[in-house]
């Protein structure tokens, strides 16, 4: 299948609401990282910085889980149903990289 098929697949599977929710979470995590950067610039206590970094890591993990869930529920199922073996292999590799 060509590039346009993959593009339309992406648009079909990942609704605007889903995408907006993920992007909102990303924006919050980015804002949180910026505030941690300021904490470091202000020479804040290391334990406070580490606590905030842990919170950001948790937020990123949660974003990853949302994307992974959609990936497994839609992208992989679609690729298997359409017998797109190369695409299935690409999806498996992406999952393996994620869970390392």
Protein backbone atom coordinates (compact mmCIF):
# COMPACT_ATOMS: atom_id res chain seq x y z
CA UNK A 1 0.00 0.00 0.00
CA UNK A 2 1.17 3.50 -0.75
CA UNK A 3 1.81 6.43 1.58
CA UNK A 4 -1.68 7.83 1.09
CA UNK A 5 -3.25 4.60 2.37
CA UNK A 6 -1.22 4.81 5.56
CA UNK A 7 -2.15 8.48 5.94
CA UNK A 8 -5.87 7.80 5.56
CA UNK A 9 -5.55 4.86 7.95
CA UNK A 10 -3.99 7.14 10.55
CA UNK A 11 -6.76 9.70 10.17
CA UNK A 12 -9.46 7.05 10.35
CA UNK A 13 -8.14 5.32 13.47
CA UNK A 14 -6.93 8.28 15.48
CA UNK A 15 -9.91 10.57 15.90
CA UNK A 16 -9.44 14.29 16.42
CA UNK A 17 -10.63 13.93 20.03
CA UNK A 18 -8.06 11.20 20.75
CA UNK A 19 -5.31 13.22 19.13
CA UNK A 20 -6.32 16.38 20.98
CA UNK A 21 -6.31 14.53 24.33
CA UNK A 22 -2.80 13.17 23.70
CA UNK A 23 -1.53 16.57 22.55
CA UNK A 24 -3.03 18.23 25.66
CA UNK A 25 -1.22 15.72 27.86
CA UNK A 26 1.99 16.36 25.93
CA UNK A 27 1.62 20.10 26.41
CA UNK A 28 1.15 19.66 30.16
CA UNK A 29 4.24 17.42 30.38
CA UNK A 30 6.28 19.95 28.39
CA UNK A 31 5.10 22.74 30.69
CA UNK A 32 5.99 20.63 33.70
CA UNK A 33 9.49 20.02 32.29
CA UNK A 34 9.92 23.75 31.74
CA UNK A 35 9.01 24.39 35.38
CA UNK A 36 11.53 21.77 36.50
CA UNK A 37 14.15 23.47 34.36
CA UNK A 38 13.41 26.71 36.22
CA UNK A 39 13.68 24.85 39.53
CA UNK A 40 17.17 23.72 38.55
CA UNK A 41 18.10 27.23 37.42
CA UNK A 42 16.88 28.53 40.79
CA UNK A 43 19.03 25.92 42.55
CA UNK A 44 16.03 24.28 44.23
CA UNK A 45 16.46 21.28 46.48
CA UNK A 46 17.53 18.14 44.60
CA UNK A 47 14.85 15.99 46.22
CA UNK A 48 12.15 18.42 45.02
CA UNK A 49 13.57 18.31 41.49
CA UNK A 50 13.71 14.51 41.52
CA UNK A 51 10.13 14.31 42.77
CA UNK A 52 8.96 16.54 39.92
CA UNK A 53 11.01 14.59 37.37
CA UNK A 54 9.36 11.42 38.62
CA UNK A 55 5.95 13.01 38.06
CA UNK A 56 6.89 13.96 34.48
CA UNK A 57 8.21 10.47 33.80
CA UNK A 58 4.89 9.07 35.02
CA UNK A 59 2.97 11.48 32.75
CA UNK A 60 5.07 10.44 29.74
CA UNK A 61 4.53 6.77 30.59
CA UNK A 62 0.78 7.37 30.71
CA UNK A 63 0.86 9.14 27.33
CA UNK A 64 2.81 6.19 25.93
CA UNK A 65 0.25 3.74 27.31
CA UNK A 66 -2.61 5.60 25.63
CA UNK A 67 -0.80 5.58 22.30
CA UNK A 68 0.17 1.91 22.74
CA UNK A 69 -3.42 0.93 23.53
CA UNK A 70 -4.69 2.59 20.35
CA UNK A 71 -1.80 1.07 18.45
CA UNK A 72 -2.73 -2.45 19.55
CA UNK A 73 -6.50 -2.01 19.26
CA UNK A 74 -6.50 -0.42 15.84
CA UNK A 75 -3.23 -0.26 13.93
CA UNK A 76 -2.10 -3.83 14.51
CA UNK A 77 -5.58 -5.30 14.04
CA UNK A 78 -5.99 -3.36 10.80
CA UNK A 79 -2.58 -4.46 9.48
CA UNK A 80 -3.25 -8.14 10.30
CA UNK A 81 -6.73 -8.05 8.74
CA UNK A 82 -5.30 -6.52 5.57
CA UNK A 83 -2.44 -9.05 5.51
CA UNK A 84 0.18 -6.28 5.54
CA UNK A 85 3.00 -8.40 6.94
CA UNK A 86 5.70 -5.74 6.57
CA UNK A 87 3.55 -3.26 8.44
CA UNK A 88 2.84 -5.81 11.18
CA UNK A 89 6.60 -6.34 11.55
CA UNK A 90 7.17 -2.56 11.78
CA UNK A 91 4.50 -2.30 14.47
CA UNK A 92 6.06 -5.19 16.44
CA UNK A 93 9.47 -3.49 16.29
CA UNK A 94 7.95 -0.22 17.56
CA UNK A 95 6.42 -2.06 20.52
CA UNK A 96 9.72 -3.81 21.28
CA UNK A 97 11.57 -0.47 21.29
CA UNK A 98 8.93 1.02 23.56
CA UNK A 99 9.05 -1.73 26.19
CA UNK A 100 12.85 -1.91 26.43
